[in-house]
Amino acid sequence: MSDETKVTTELEQGVSEDEGFEAVADGSAAELEQVKGERDQLLDRLARLQAEFDNARKREAKERADAREYAIGSTVEPFLGVMDNFQLALKAQGSADQLRTGVELILKQMEEALRGMQVVAVETVGTQFDPRIHEALGSIETAEFPDHQVIEEIRRGYKIREKLLRPAMVKIAVNSAQVSD
């Protein structure tokens, strides 16, 4: 077979194959339109879901910010009265004893505000040293108190319910008569 005959035969076969493709394409045109329609519906649904997700994310972020603002406001509000009283004490003309009495009243007001938020002081003086709630800054040798008993509070510790906010800084007794060798 010559090259010309070969090319002609291939072209004729190609034409008959193209005609077959057209027949299949005519039958598939309806299917293609159906698939395109389904694709368009899915793309539309995807766009709606993405928009819905974005809106939910924005709504959640706003709710979180509002909750944070509310928490800060409800935490600060009890201390506004304390601040007012400090300002009044600074403006007042009086003796050192009167100032001390005023500061003691303000301290009680502040402690009450903290108790309202369930913040309480860690027990210290007279209790046994507990490294979970106390931080020992020093020790004092004494036969007067049991070994490792807290005998002085340097800085008050606080906890909210059972969670420690900060440990109490304390000095503890070292009773050499009770120290075992």
N, C-alpha and C. Protein backbone atom coordinates (compact mmCIF):
# COMPACT_ATOMS: atom_id res chain seq x y z
N MET A 1 0.84 -1.15 0.00
CA MET A 1 0.00 0.00 0.00
C MET A 1 0.90 1.22 0.00
N SER A 2 0.55 2.15 -0.85
CA SER A 2 1.36 3.36 -0.95
C SER A 2 0.98 4.31 0.18
N ASP A 3 1.81 5.29 0.37
CA ASP A 3 1.57 6.26 1.45
C ASP A 3 0.29 7.05 1.21
N GLU A 4 0.02 7.36 -0.08
CA GLU A 4 -1.20 8.11 -0.39
C GLU A 4 -2.43 7.29 -0.06
N THR A 5 -2.42 6.03 -0.42
CA THR A 5 -3.56 5.16 -0.17
C THR A 5 -3.76 5.00 1.33
N LYS A 6 -2.67 4.87 2.02
CA LYS A 6 -2.72 4.71 3.47
C LYS A 6 -3.35 5.94 4.13
N VAL A 7 -2.93 7.13 3.73
CA VAL A 7 -3.45 8.37 4.28
C VAL A 7 -4.92 8.50 3.94
N THR A 8 -5.30 8.19 2.71
CA THR A 8 -6.69 8.28 2.29
C THR A 8 -7.54 7.33 3.11
N THR A 9 -7.09 6.13 3.32
CA THR A 9 -7.85 5.14 4.09
C THR A 9 -8.01 5.62 5.54
N GLU A 10 -6.95 6.18 6.09
CA GLU A 10 -7.03 6.69 7.46
C GLU A 10 -8.00 7.86 7.56
N LEU A 11 -7.99 8.74 6.56
CA LEU A 11 -8.91 9.86 6.55
C LEU A 11 -10.35 9.39 6.48
N GLU A 12 -10.59 8.39 5.63
CA GLU A 12 -11.95 7.86 5.50
C GLU A 12 -12.40 7.23 6.81
N GLN A 13 -11.49 6.52 7.46
CA GLN A 13 -11.84 5.92 8.75
C GLN A 13 -12.11 7.01 9.79
N GLY A 14 -11.31 8.07 9.75
CA GLY A 14 -11.49 9.19 10.67
C GLY A 14 -12.83 9.84 10.48
N VAL A 15 -13.26 9.99 9.21
CA VAL A 15 -14.56 10.60 8.93
C VAL A 15 -15.67 9.72 9.49
N SER A 16 -15.56 8.42 9.28
CA SER A 16 -16.62 7.55 9.78
C SER A 16 -16.62 7.52 11.32
N GLU A 17 -15.45 7.64 11.95
CA GLU A 17 -15.40 7.71 13.42
C GLU A 17 -16.01 9.02 13.91
N ASP A 18 -15.74 10.14 13.20
CA ASP A 18 -16.32 11.43 13.58
C ASP A 18 -17.84 11.38 13.51
N GLU A 19 -18.34 10.71 12.49
CA GLU A 19 -19.80 10.59 12.37
C GLU A 19 -20.36 9.82 13.57
N GLY A 20 -19.61 8.81 14.02
CA GLY A 20 -20.03 8.03 15.19
C GLY A 20 -20.01 8.89 16.45
N PHE A 21 -18.99 9.74 16.57
CA PHE A 21 -18.90 10.64 17.72
C PHE A 21 -20.05 11.63 17.73
N GLU A 22 -20.42 12.11 16.55
CA GLU A 22 -21.53 13.06 16.46
C GLU A 22 -22.82 12.41 16.92
N ALA A 23 -23.00 11.16 16.57
CA ALA A 23 -24.21 10.44 16.97
C ALA A 23 -24.25 10.28 18.49
N VAL A 24 -23.09 9.93 19.04
CA VAL A 24 -23.01 9.79 20.49
C VAL A 24 -23.18 11.16 21.15
N ALA A 25 -22.56 12.19 20.56
CA ALA A 25 -22.64 13.54 21.10
C ALA A 25 -24.08 14.03 21.08
N ASP A 26 -24.83 13.72 20.01
CA ASP A 26 -26.23 14.13 19.97
C ASP A 26 -27.02 13.47 21.11
N GLY A 27 -26.73 12.21 21.36
CA GLY A 27 -27.41 11.50 22.45
C GLY A 27 -26.96 12.01 23.81
N SER A 28 -25.72 12.43 23.89
CA SER A 28 -25.16 12.88 25.17
C SER A 28 -25.43 14.36 25.43
N ALA A 29 -25.87 15.10 24.45
CA ALA A 29 -26.12 16.53 24.64
C ALA A 29 -27.14 16.75 25.74
N ALA A 30 -28.17 15.94 25.77
CA ALA A 30 -29.19 16.06 26.82
C ALA A 30 -28.58 15.73 28.18
N GLU A 31 -27.76 14.67 28.21
CA GLU A 31 -27.10 14.30 29.46
C GLU A 31 -26.14 15.40 29.91
N LEU A 32 -25.43 15.97 28.95
CA LEU A 32 -24.49 17.04 29.25
C LEU A 32 -25.22 18.24 29.85
N GLU A 33 -26.34 18.61 29.29
CA GLU A 33 -27.13 19.72 29.82
C GLU A 33 -27.63 19.40 31.23
N GLN A 34 -28.02 18.16 31.44
CA GLN A 34 -28.49 17.74 32.76
C GLN A 34 -27.34 17.84 33.78
N VAL A 35 -26.16 17.36 33.40
CA VAL A 35 -25.00 17.42 34.28
C VAL A 35 -24.61 18.87 34.57
N LYS A 36 -24.67 19.72 33.53
CA LYS A 36 -24.37 21.14 33.72
C LYS A 36 -25.37 21.77 34.69
N GLY A 37 -26.62 21.41 34.56
CA GLY A 37 -27.65 21.93 35.47
C GLY A 37 -27.39 21.49 36.91
N GLU A 38 -27.05 20.21 37.08
CA GLU A 38 -26.74 19.71 38.43
C GLU A 38 -25.51 20.42 39.00
N ARG A 39 -24.51 20.62 38.13
CA ARG A 39 -23.29 21.32 38.56
C ARG A 39 -23.64 22.73 39.02
N ASP A 40 -24.47 23.43 38.24
CA ASP A 40 -24.85 24.79 38.60
C ASP A 40 -25.60 24.82 39.94
N GLN A 41 -26.47 23.82 40.15
CA GLN A 41 -27.20 23.74 41.42
C GLN A 41 -26.23 23.51 42.58
N LEU A 42 -25.26 22.61 42.36
CA LEU A 42 -24.29 22.32 43.41
C LEU A 42 -23.40 23.53 43.71
N LEU A 43 -23.00 24.24 42.66
CA LEU A 43 -22.19 25.45 42.86
C LEU A 43 -22.98 26.51 43.61
N ASP A 44 -24.26 26.64 43.29
CA ASP A 44 -25.11 27.59 43.99
C ASP A 44 -25.26 27.20 45.46
N ARG A 45 -25.48 25.91 45.68
CA ARG A 45 -25.61 25.41 47.06
C ARG A 45 -24.30 25.63 47.84
N LEU A 46 -23.17 25.37 47.18
CA LEU A 46 -21.87 25.58 47.81
C LEU A 46 -21.69 27.05 48.18
N ALA A 47 -22.05 27.95 47.28
CA ALA A 47 -21.91 29.39 47.56
C ALA A 47 -22.79 29.78 48.75
N ARG A 48 -24.01 29.24 48.80
CA ARG A 48 -24.91 29.55 49.92
C ARG A 48 -24.35 29.01 51.24
N LEU A 49 -23.82 27.78 51.21
CA LEU A 49 -23.24 27.20 52.42
C LEU A 49 -22.02 27.98 52.89
N GLN A 50 -21.20 28.43 51.94
CA GLN A 50 -20.04 29.24 52.32
C GLN A 50 -20.47 30.55 52.95
N ALA A 51 -21.48 31.18 52.38
CA ALA A 51 -21.99 32.44 52.94
C ALA A 51 -22.58 32.19 54.33
N GLU A 52 -23.32 31.10 54.47
CA GLU A 52 -23.92 30.75 55.76
C GLU A 52 -22.82 30.49 56.81
N PHE A 53 -21.76 29.79 56.40
CA PHE A 53 -20.64 29.52 57.30
C PHE A 53 -19.94 30.81 57.71
N ASP A 54 -19.70 31.70 56.75
CA ASP A 54 -19.07 32.98 57.06
C ASP A 54 -19.92 33.79 58.03
N ASN A 55 -21.23 33.80 57.81
CA ASN A 55 -22.13 34.52 58.71
C ASN A 55 -22.11 33.92 60.11
N ALA A 56 -22.09 32.58 60.19
CA ALA A 56 -22.04 31.92 61.50
C ALA A 56 -20.73 32.24 62.21
N ARG A 57 -19.63 32.26 61.47
CA ARG A 57 -18.32 32.58 62.06
C ARG A 57 -18.31 34.02 62.58
N LYS A 58 -18.85 34.95 61.79
CA LYS A 58 -18.91 36.35 62.22
C LYS A 58 -19.82 36.51 63.44
N ARG A 59 -20.95 35.80 63.44
CA ARG A 59 -21.89 35.88 64.56
C ARG A 59 -21.24 35.32 65.84
N GLU A 60 -20.51 34.22 65.70
CA GLU A 60 -19.83 33.62 66.85
C GLU A 60 -18.75 34.55 67.39
N ALA A 61 -18.00 35.19 66.51
CA ALA A 61 -16.95 36.13 66.93
C ALA A 61 -17.57 37.32 67.67
N LYS A 62 -18.71 37.81 67.18
CA LYS A 62 -19.38 38.93 67.84
C LYS A 62 -19.92 38.50 69.21
N GLU A 63 -20.50 37.30 69.28
CA GLU A 63 -21.02 36.81 70.55
C GLU A 63 -19.89 36.63 71.56
N ARG A 64 -18.74 36.14 71.10
CA ARG A 64 -17.58 35.96 71.98
C ARG A 64 -17.08 37.32 72.49
N ALA A 65 -17.03 38.31 71.59
CA ALA A 65 -16.60 39.65 71.99
C ALA A 65 -17.60 40.26 72.99
N ASP A 66 -18.90 40.06 72.74
CA ASP A 66 -19.92 40.57 73.65
C ASP A 66 -19.81 39.90 75.03
N ALA A 67 -19.57 38.59 75.04
CA ALA A 67 -19.44 37.86 76.30
C ALA A 67 -18.21 38.35 77.07
N ARG A 68 -17.12 38.58 76.35
CA ARG A 68 -15.90 39.09 77.00
C ARG A 68 -16.16 40.47 77.60
N GLU A 69 -16.83 41.33 76.83
CA GLU A 69 -17.14 42.68 77.31
C GLU A 69 -18.05 42.62 78.54
N TYR A 70 -19.03 41.73 78.52
CA TYR A 70 -19.94 41.57 79.66
C TYR A 70 -19.17 41.08 80.88
N ALA A 71 -18.27 40.10 80.67
CA ALA A 71 -17.49 39.56 81.79
C ALA A 71 -16.60 40.64 82.40
N ILE A 72 -15.97 41.43 81.56
CA ILE A 72 -15.12 42.51 82.07
C ILE A 72 -15.98 43.52 82.83
N GLY A 73 -17.11 43.88 82.26
CA GLY A 73 -17.99 44.85 82.91
C GLY A 73 -18.49 44.36 84.25
N SER A 74 -18.91 43.10 84.31
CA SER A 74 -19.43 42.58 85.58
C SER A 74 -18.31 42.35 86.59
N THR A 75 -17.07 42.21 86.13
CA THR A 75 -15.94 42.09 87.04
C THR A 75 -15.53 43.45 87.59
N VAL A 76 -15.54 44.45 86.75
CA VAL A 76 -15.08 45.79 87.14
C VAL A 76 -16.12 46.52 87.98
N GLU A 77 -17.38 46.31 87.71
CA GLU A 77 -18.46 47.07 88.35
C GLU A 77 -18.37 47.09 89.88
N PRO A 78 -18.12 45.97 90.56
CA PRO A 78 -18.05 46.03 92.03
C PRO A 78 -16.90 46.90 92.55
N PHE A 79 -15.88 47.11 91.74
CA PHE A 79 -14.72 47.88 92.19
C PHE A 79 -14.87 49.38 91.94
N LEU A 80 -15.89 49.77 91.22
CA LEU A 80 -16.10 51.20 90.98
C LEU A 80 -16.40 51.93 92.28
N GLY A 81 -17.18 51.31 93.14
CA GLY A 81 -17.46 51.90 94.46
C GLY A 81 -16.20 52.02 95.30
N VAL A 82 -15.33 51.02 95.19
CA VAL A 82 -14.06 51.06 95.91
C VAL A 82 -13.23 52.24 95.42
N MET A 83 -13.18 52.42 94.11
CA MET A 83 -12.44 53.55 93.53
C MET A 83 -13.03 54.88 94.01
N ASP A 84 -14.35 54.97 94.01
CA ASP A 84 -15.01 56.20 94.49
C ASP A 84 -14.58 56.51 95.92
N ASN A 85 -14.57 55.49 96.76
CA ASN A 85 -14.20 55.70 98.16
C ASN A 85 -12.73 56.08 98.32
N PHE A 86 -11.86 55.53 97.51
CA PHE A 86 -10.45 55.94 97.55
C PHE A 86 -10.33 57.42 97.17
N GLN A 87 -11.06 57.82 96.14
CA GLN A 87 -11.01 59.23 95.72
C GLN A 87 -11.53 60.15 96.82
N LEU A 88 -12.61 59.74 97.48
CA LEU A 88 -13.14 60.54 98.59
C LEU A 88 -12.13 60.61 99.74
N ALA A 89 -11.47 59.50 100.03
CA ALA A 89 -10.48 59.47 101.11
C ALA A 89 -9.32 60.40 100.81
N LEU A 90 -8.90 60.46 99.55
CA LEU A 90 -7.79 61.34 99.18
C LEU A 90 -8.18 62.81 99.29
N LYS A 91 -9.45 63.12 99.05
CA LYS A 91 -9.91 64.51 99.14
C LYS A 91 -10.17 64.95 100.58
N ALA A 92 -10.41 63.98 101.46
CA ALA A 92 -10.82 64.30 102.84
C ALA A 92 -9.67 64.93 103.62
N GLN A 93 -10.05 65.85 104.48
CA GLN A 93 -9.11 66.48 105.41
C GLN A 93 -9.33 65.80 106.76
N GLY A 94 -8.31 65.21 107.31
CA GLY A 94 -8.50 64.56 108.60
C GLY A 94 -7.18 64.04 109.13
N SER A 95 -7.27 63.44 110.30
CA SER A 95 -6.07 62.92 110.95
C SER A 95 -5.65 61.59 110.32
N ALA A 96 -4.48 61.14 110.71
CA ALA A 96 -3.97 59.85 110.22
C ALA A 96 -4.88 58.71 110.67
N ASP A 97 -5.42 58.82 111.87
CA ASP A 97 -6.33 57.78 112.37
C ASP A 97 -7.60 57.71 111.54
N GLN A 98 -8.13 58.87 111.16
CA GLN A 98 -9.33 58.89 110.33
C GLN A 98 -9.04 58.31 108.95
N LEU A 99 -7.87 58.64 108.40
CA LEU A 99 -7.48 58.09 107.11
C LEU A 99 -7.33 56.58 107.19
N ARG A 100 -6.71 56.10 108.27
CA ARG A 100 -6.54 54.66 108.45
C ARG A 100 -7.90 53.97 108.53
N THR A 101 -8.82 54.54 109.28
CA THR A 101 -10.16 53.97 109.41
C THR A 101 -10.84 53.92 108.04
N GLY A 102 -10.69 54.99 107.26
CA GLY A 102 -11.28 55.02 105.92
C GLY A 102 -10.68 53.95 105.02
N VAL A 103 -9.38 53.78 105.07
CA VAL A 103 -8.71 52.76 104.24
C VAL A 103 -9.14 51.36 104.68
N GLU A 104 -9.30 51.14 105.98
CA GLU A 104 -9.77 49.83 106.46
C GLU A 104 -11.17 49.53 105.94
N LEU A 105 -12.03 50.54 105.92
CA LEU A 105 -13.39 50.35 105.40
C LEU A 105 -13.35 50.04 103.90
N ILE A 106 -12.47 50.72 103.19
CA ILE A 106 -12.34 50.47 101.75
C ILE A 106 -11.82 49.06 101.51
N LEU A 107 -10.86 48.62 102.32
CA LEU A 107 -10.34 47.25 102.20
C LEU A 107 -11.45 46.23 102.41
N LYS A 108 -12.29 46.45 103.43
CA LYS A 108 -13.42 45.55 103.67
C LYS A 108 -14.37 45.53 102.47
N GLN A 109 -14.60 46.70 101.89
CA GLN A 109 -15.47 46.79 100.71
C GLN A 109 -14.86 46.01 99.55
N MET A 110 -13.56 46.11 99.38
CA MET A 110 -12.89 45.40 98.29
C MET A 110 -12.93 43.89 98.53
N GLU A 111 -12.69 43.46 99.76
CA GLU A 111 -12.77 42.03 100.08
C GLU A 111 -14.17 41.50 99.82
N GLU A 112 -15.18 42.29 100.15
CA GLU A 112 -16.58 41.89 99.91
C GLU A 112 -16.84 41.75 98.40
N ALA A 113 -16.32 42.68 97.62
CA ALA A 113 -16.48 42.60 96.16
C ALA A 113 -15.82 41.33 95.63
N LEU A 114 -14.64 41.00 96.14
CA LEU A 114 -13.96 39.78 95.71
C LEU A 114 -14.75 38.54 96.13
N ARG A 115 -15.28 38.53 97.36
CA ARG A 115 -16.09 37.40 97.82
C ARG A 115 -17.31 37.21 96.92
N GLY A 116 -17.87 38.32 96.45
CA GLY A 116 -19.02 38.25 95.54
C GLY A 116 -18.67 37.54 94.24
N MET A 117 -17.39 37.55 93.88
CA MET A 117 -16.92 36.83 92.69
C MET A 117 -16.30 35.49 93.06
N GLN A 118 -16.52 35.07 94.31
CA GLN A 118 -16.02 33.81 94.86
C GLN A 118 -14.50 33.74 94.90
N VAL A 119 -13.87 34.91 95.07
CA VAL A 119 -12.42 34.98 95.26
C VAL A 119 -12.18 35.12 96.75
N VAL A 120 -11.42 34.18 97.32
CA VAL A 120 -11.15 34.21 98.76
C VAL A 120 -9.65 34.12 99.01
N ALA A 121 -9.23 34.61 100.17
CA ALA A 121 -7.83 34.56 100.56
C ALA A 121 -7.45 33.13 100.95
N VAL A 122 -6.21 32.77 100.67
CA VAL A 122 -5.67 31.48 101.08
C VAL A 122 -5.38 31.56 102.58
N GLU A 123 -5.76 30.52 103.31
CA GLU A 123 -5.47 30.49 104.74
C GLU A 123 -3.97 30.35 104.95
N THR A 124 -3.45 31.12 105.90
CA THR A 124 -2.00 31.10 106.09
C THR A 124 -1.62 30.89 107.55
N VAL A 125 -1.53 31.96 108.32
CA VAL A 125 -0.99 31.91 109.68
C VAL A 125 -1.76 30.89 110.52
N GLY A 126 -0.99 29.99 111.13
CA GLY A 126 -1.59 28.96 111.98
C GLY A 126 -1.86 27.65 111.25
N THR A 127 -1.71 27.63 109.94
CA THR A 127 -1.94 26.40 109.18
C THR A 127 -0.60 25.73 108.88
N GLN A 128 -0.67 24.47 108.52
CA GLN A 128 0.53 23.73 108.12
C GLN A 128 0.93 24.18 106.71
N PHE A 129 2.22 24.34 106.47
CA PHE A 129 2.71 24.76 105.16
C PHE A 129 2.25 23.77 104.09
N ASP A 130 1.68 24.27 103.02
CA ASP A 130 1.22 23.46 101.88
C ASP A 130 1.82 24.06 100.62
N PRO A 131 2.78 23.38 99.97
CA PRO A 131 3.44 23.96 98.80
C PRO A 131 2.51 24.20 97.61
N ARG A 132 1.30 23.64 97.66
CA ARG A 132 0.35 23.87 96.57
C ARG A 132 -0.28 25.25 96.66
N ILE A 133 -0.33 25.83 97.88
CA ILE A 133 -0.97 27.14 98.05
C ILE A 133 -0.08 28.17 98.73
N HIS A 134 1.05 27.72 99.27
CA HIS A 134 1.98 28.62 99.95
C HIS A 134 3.32 28.63 99.23
N GLU A 135 3.98 29.77 99.29
CA GLU A 135 5.34 29.90 98.78
C GLU A 135 6.20 30.37 99.96
N ALA A 136 7.11 29.50 100.41
CA ALA A 136 7.93 29.84 101.58
C ALA A 136 9.05 30.78 101.16
N LEU A 137 9.07 31.96 101.78
CA LEU A 137 10.13 32.93 101.51
C LEU A 137 11.20 32.91 102.58
N GLY A 138 10.94 32.21 103.65
CA GLY A 138 11.92 32.12 104.72
C GLY A 138 11.40 31.26 105.84
N SER A 139 12.28 31.03 106.80
CA SER A 139 11.89 30.24 107.96
C SER A 139 12.45 30.90 109.22
N ILE A 140 11.81 30.61 110.32
CA ILE A 140 12.22 31.16 111.61
C ILE A 140 12.36 30.00 112.58
N GLU A 141 13.53 29.89 113.20
CA GLU A 141 13.74 28.83 114.20
C GLU A 141 12.98 29.21 115.46
N THR A 142 12.17 28.28 115.92
CA THR A 142 11.38 28.52 117.13
C THR A 142 10.95 27.19 117.72
N ALA A 143 10.83 27.18 119.02
CA ALA A 143 10.30 26.00 119.71
C ALA A 143 8.84 26.23 120.07
N GLU A 144 8.38 27.43 119.78
CA GLU A 144 7.03 27.85 120.14
C GLU A 144 5.95 27.25 119.23
N PHE A 145 6.31 26.99 117.96
CA PHE A 145 5.34 26.50 116.97
C PHE A 145 5.79 25.16 116.41
N PRO A 146 4.84 24.35 115.93
CA PRO A 146 5.21 23.08 115.30
C PRO A 146 6.02 23.32 114.02
N ASP A 147 6.83 22.34 113.68
CA ASP A 147 7.66 22.43 112.48
C ASP A 147 6.77 22.59 111.23
N HIS A 148 7.16 23.47 110.33
CA HIS A 148 6.48 23.75 109.06
C HIS A 148 5.12 24.41 109.21
N GLN A 149 4.86 25.00 110.35
CA GLN A 149 3.62 25.77 110.50
C GLN A 149 3.88 27.18 109.98
N VAL A 150 2.90 27.71 109.26
CA VAL A 150 3.01 29.08 108.75
C VAL A 150 2.87 30.02 109.94
N ILE A 151 3.89 30.90 110.12
CA ILE A 151 3.84 31.81 111.26
C ILE A 151 3.76 33.28 110.85
N GLU A 152 3.99 33.55 109.56
CA GLU A 152 3.89 34.94 109.10
C GLU A 152 3.47 34.97 107.63
N GLU A 153 2.52 35.85 107.33
CA GLU A 153 2.09 36.05 105.94
C GLU A 153 2.76 37.32 105.42
N ILE A 154 3.49 37.18 104.32
CA ILE A 154 4.16 38.33 103.72
C ILE A 154 3.28 38.95 102.64
N ARG A 155 2.70 38.10 101.81
CA ARG A 155 1.76 38.56 100.78
C ARG A 155 0.62 37.57 100.73
N ARG A 156 -0.58 38.08 100.74
CA ARG A 156 -1.77 37.23 100.74
C ARG A 156 -1.93 36.52 99.40
N GLY A 157 -2.33 35.27 99.47
CA GLY A 157 -2.64 34.49 98.27
C GLY A 157 -4.14 34.42 98.09
N TYR A 158 -4.58 34.14 96.85
CA TYR A 158 -6.02 34.10 96.57
C TYR A 158 -6.36 32.91 95.69
N LYS A 159 -7.59 32.45 95.87
CA LYS A 159 -8.11 31.40 94.99
C LYS A 159 -9.55 31.73 94.65
N ILE A 160 -9.96 31.28 93.48
CA ILE A 160 -11.35 31.42 93.06
C ILE A 160 -11.92 30.01 93.07
N ARG A 161 -12.90 29.81 93.93
CA ARG A 161 -13.39 28.48 94.25
C ARG A 161 -12.20 27.64 94.71
N GLU A 162 -11.84 26.61 93.98
CA GLU A 162 -10.69 25.77 94.36
C GLU A 162 -9.45 26.04 93.51
N LYS A 163 -9.55 26.94 92.55
CA LYS A 163 -8.42 27.23 91.65
C LYS A 163 -7.56 28.34 92.26
N LEU A 164 -6.27 28.05 92.38
CA LEU A 164 -5.34 29.02 92.95
C LEU A 164 -5.05 30.12 91.94
N LEU A 165 -5.27 31.37 92.35
CA LEU A 165 -4.93 32.52 91.51
C LEU A 165 -3.47 32.91 91.71
N ARG A 166 -3.04 32.95 92.97
CA ARG A 166 -1.63 33.17 93.29
C ARG A 166 -1.37 32.62 94.68
N PRO A 167 -0.19 32.04 94.89
CA PRO A 167 0.12 31.47 96.21
C PRO A 167 0.39 32.57 97.23
N ALA A 168 0.19 32.23 98.49
CA ALA A 168 0.52 33.15 99.58
C ALA A 168 2.02 33.04 99.85
N MET A 169 2.67 34.19 100.02
CA MET A 169 4.09 34.20 100.38
C MET A 169 4.16 34.22 101.90
N VAL A 170 4.87 33.25 102.47
CA VAL A 170 4.85 33.07 103.92
C VAL A 170 6.24 32.76 104.47
N LYS A 171 6.33 32.88 105.80
CA LYS A 171 7.49 32.39 106.54
C LYS A 171 6.98 31.24 107.40
N ILE A 172 7.81 30.21 107.54
CA ILE A 172 7.39 29.02 108.27
C ILE A 172 8.30 28.78 109.48
N ALA A 173 7.77 28.05 110.44
CA ALA A 173 8.51 27.71 111.65
C ALA A 173 9.41 26.52 111.38
N VAL A 174 10.60 26.58 111.95
CA VAL A 174 11.50 25.43 111.96
C VAL A 174 11.73 25.11 113.43
N ASN A 175 11.16 24.01 113.85
CA ASN A 175 11.28 23.59 115.25
C ASN A 175 12.29 22.46 115.30
N SER A 176 13.51 22.79 115.71
CA SER A 176 14.59 21.80 115.69
C SER A 176 14.31 20.64 116.64
N ALA A 177 13.47 20.83 117.64
CA ALA A 177 13.12 19.74 118.55
C ALA A 177 12.25 18.71 117.83
N GLN A 178 11.53 19.13 116.79
CA GLN A 178 10.65 18.21 116.06
C GLN A 178 11.28 17.69 114.78
N VAL A 179 12.39 18.26 114.35
CA VAL A 179 13.03 17.83 113.12
C VAL A 179 13.66 16.47 113.36
N SER A 180 13.26 15.48 112.58
CA SER A 180 13.80 14.13 112.75
C SER A 180 15.08 13.98 111.94
N ASP A 181 16.01 13.25 112.49
CA ASP A 181 17.31 13.07 111.83
C ASP A 181 17.27 11.98 110.82
